[in-house]
Amino acid sequence: MTEEQLAQLTFLIEDFMDAKDDEDFARQKRIEIEEKIAALVPGPEDGQVTVKIRNAKLTVKRGLTYKADLDGIAAQMVETEFFPPIKTKAIRELDVQGYEWYRANHPDIFSVLSNYVQVRPKKVSVTVNSARQKQA
């Protein structure tokens, strides 16, 4: 890497860190405002309410999250005649490792499979670890 590239990267890292700080501050401020709005707009514990104010519609959504010991529930329900309130989901998705194995080991099969797969680049992610981050 050239000195000029290093200087540019140093500058961009500082810009990046400033933007992250601004983003964190804005997120925190947004959450505080949302909490103040929710305190002013009564509604159900689990559901939503919409209020029309002048030219705007304001919707406040509230919800509940559940965390359960599914094995414990299942074990307790065995003793009863009832079914446990547990769902099992089956997810069908591409096995990327298997797909890439065909690319490496069976190009003829891969060429057929690839007609059914779209591959796109992910959003680029940049992480900077610095003492500056830890000050907050």
Protein backbone atom coordinates (compact mmCIF):
# COMPACT_ATOMS: atom_id res chain seq x y z
CA MET A 1 0.00 0.00 0.00
CA THR A 2 1.33 3.43 -0.89
CA GLU A 3 1.71 6.31 1.56
CA GLU A 4 -1.10 8.13 -0.23
CA GLN A 5 -3.42 5.12 0.13
CA LEU A 6 -2.51 4.81 3.82
CA ALA A 7 -3.27 8.51 4.33
CA GLN A 8 -6.61 8.13 2.52
CA LEU A 9 -7.49 5.07 4.61
CA THR A 10 -6.60 6.88 7.84
CA PHE A 11 -8.87 9.76 6.83
CA LEU A 12 -11.68 7.38 5.79
CA ILE A 13 -11.41 5.45 9.05
CA GLU A 14 -11.89 8.69 11.00
CA ASP A 15 -14.88 9.58 8.79
CA PHE A 16 -16.27 6.08 9.28
CA MET A 17 -15.93 6.30 13.06
CA ASP A 18 -17.59 9.74 13.10
CA ALA A 19 -20.48 8.36 11.04
CA LYS A 20 -20.83 5.37 13.39
CA ASP A 21 -20.91 7.73 16.39
CA ASP A 22 -23.57 9.86 14.67
CA GLU A 23 -25.55 6.73 13.80
CA ASP A 24 -25.40 5.42 17.39
CA PHE A 25 -26.47 8.81 18.76
CA ALA A 26 -29.32 9.09 16.23
CA ARG A 27 -30.51 5.55 17.04
CA GLN A 28 -30.49 6.24 20.76
CA LYS A 29 -32.35 9.54 20.26
CA ARG A 30 -34.92 7.86 17.98
CA ILE A 31 -35.61 5.16 20.58
CA GLU A 32 -36.05 7.79 23.32
CA ILE A 33 -38.52 9.70 21.12
CA GLU A 34 -40.42 6.48 20.29
CA GLU A 35 -40.75 5.75 24.01
CA LYS A 36 -42.08 9.28 24.69
CA ILE A 37 -44.61 8.95 21.84
CA ALA A 38 -45.72 5.53 23.09
CA ALA A 39 -46.24 6.96 26.58
CA LEU A 40 -48.62 9.56 25.11
CA VAL A 41 -50.57 7.14 22.90
CA PRO A 42 -52.39 4.47 24.90
CA GLY A 43 -52.99 1.15 23.21
CA PRO A 44 -53.12 -2.59 23.65
CA GLU A 45 -50.20 -4.50 25.14
CA ASP A 46 -50.03 -6.61 21.99
CA GLY A 47 -51.31 -4.84 18.90
CA GLN A 48 -51.37 -1.41 17.35
CA VAL A 49 -53.24 1.84 17.46
CA THR A 50 -53.28 4.54 14.80
CA VAL A 51 -53.91 8.20 15.54
CA LYS A 52 -54.46 10.88 12.93
CA ILE A 53 -52.79 14.18 13.79
CA ARG A 54 -53.20 17.02 11.34
CA ASN A 55 -51.61 15.77 8.08
CA ALA A 56 -49.96 12.70 9.58
CA LYS A 57 -50.98 9.24 10.67
CA LEU A 58 -49.11 7.93 13.69
CA THR A 59 -49.13 4.19 14.39
CA VAL A 60 -47.81 2.78 17.64
CA LYS A 61 -47.21 -0.97 17.64
CA ARG A 62 -46.62 -2.92 20.81
CA GLY A 63 -45.84 -6.58 21.12
CA LEU A 64 -44.67 -9.34 23.36
CA THR A 65 -41.80 -11.77 22.95
CA TYR A 66 -41.86 -15.27 24.36
CA LYS A 67 -38.93 -17.44 25.36
CA ALA A 68 -39.72 -20.97 26.45
CA ASP A 69 -38.05 -24.16 27.63
CA LEU A 70 -39.57 -26.33 24.91
CA ASP A 71 -38.08 -29.56 26.27
CA GLY A 72 -39.55 -28.79 29.70
CA ILE A 73 -42.98 -28.06 28.23
CA ALA A 74 -42.89 -31.24 26.14
CA ALA A 75 -41.87 -33.33 29.17
CA GLN A 76 -44.72 -31.88 31.28
CA MET A 77 -47.30 -32.39 28.55
CA VAL A 78 -46.45 -36.10 28.20
CA GLU A 79 -48.34 -36.62 31.46
CA THR A 80 -51.52 -35.08 30.01
CA GLU A 81 -53.85 -35.91 27.15
CA PHE A 82 -53.07 -32.61 25.45
CA PHE A 83 -50.59 -31.66 22.77
CA PRO A 84 -47.80 -29.28 23.75
CA PRO A 85 -48.06 -25.78 22.24
CA ILE A 86 -44.90 -26.25 20.21
CA LYS A 87 -44.41 -25.73 16.47
CA THR A 88 -41.73 -27.40 14.41
CA LYS A 89 -40.62 -25.58 11.29
CA ALA A 90 -38.97 -27.16 8.30
CA ILE A 91 -36.91 -24.77 6.22
CA ARG A 92 -35.95 -25.52 2.64
CA GLU A 93 -32.94 -23.59 1.48
CA LEU A 94 -30.00 -24.02 -0.83
CA ASP A 95 -27.10 -25.95 0.68
CA VAL A 96 -24.39 -23.55 -0.48
CA GLN A 97 -21.58 -25.87 0.55
CA GLY A 98 -23.14 -28.71 -1.46
CA TYR A 99 -23.76 -26.39 -4.41
CA GLU A 100 -20.12 -25.29 -4.41
CA TRP A 101 -19.04 -28.95 -4.08
CA TYR A 102 -20.76 -29.64 -7.41
CA ARG A 103 -18.90 -26.70 -8.92
CA ALA A 104 -15.56 -28.18 -7.83
CA ASN A 105 -16.29 -31.87 -8.43
CA HIS A 106 -18.99 -32.20 -11.09
CA PRO A 107 -18.98 -29.22 -13.47
CA ASP A 108 -21.50 -30.94 -15.76
CA ILE A 109 -24.12 -31.21 -13.00
CA PHE A 110 -23.17 -27.77 -11.69
CA SER A 111 -23.86 -26.20 -15.09
CA VAL A 112 -27.43 -27.51 -14.91
CA LEU A 113 -27.93 -26.51 -11.24
CA SER A 114 -26.56 -23.03 -11.84
CA ASN A 115 -29.51 -22.29 -14.15
CA TYR A 116 -31.69 -22.31 -11.03
CA VAL A 117 -29.48 -20.25 -8.71
CA GLN A 118 -28.89 -16.52 -8.63
CA VAL A 119 -25.68 -15.40 -6.93
CA ARG A 120 -25.26 -11.75 -5.96
CA PRO A 121 -22.62 -10.00 -3.90
CA LYS A 122 -23.55 -9.12 -0.34
CA LYS A 123 -23.35 -5.58 0.99
CA VAL A 124 -19.76 -4.81 1.84
CA SER A 125 -19.14 -4.75 5.57
CA VAL A 126 -16.42 -2.73 7.23
CA THR A 127 -15.44 -3.14 10.87
CA VAL A 128 -12.99 -0.91 12.67
CA ASN A 129 -11.77 -1.83 16.12
CA SER A 130 -10.19 1.10 17.84
CA ALA A 131 -9.77 2.56 21.31
CA ARG A 132 -12.04 5.38 20.18
CA GLN A 133 -15.01 2.99 20.01
CA LYS A 134 -14.50 1.88 23.58
CA GLN A 135 -14.69 5.42 24.99
CA ALA A 136 -18.49 5.55 24.66
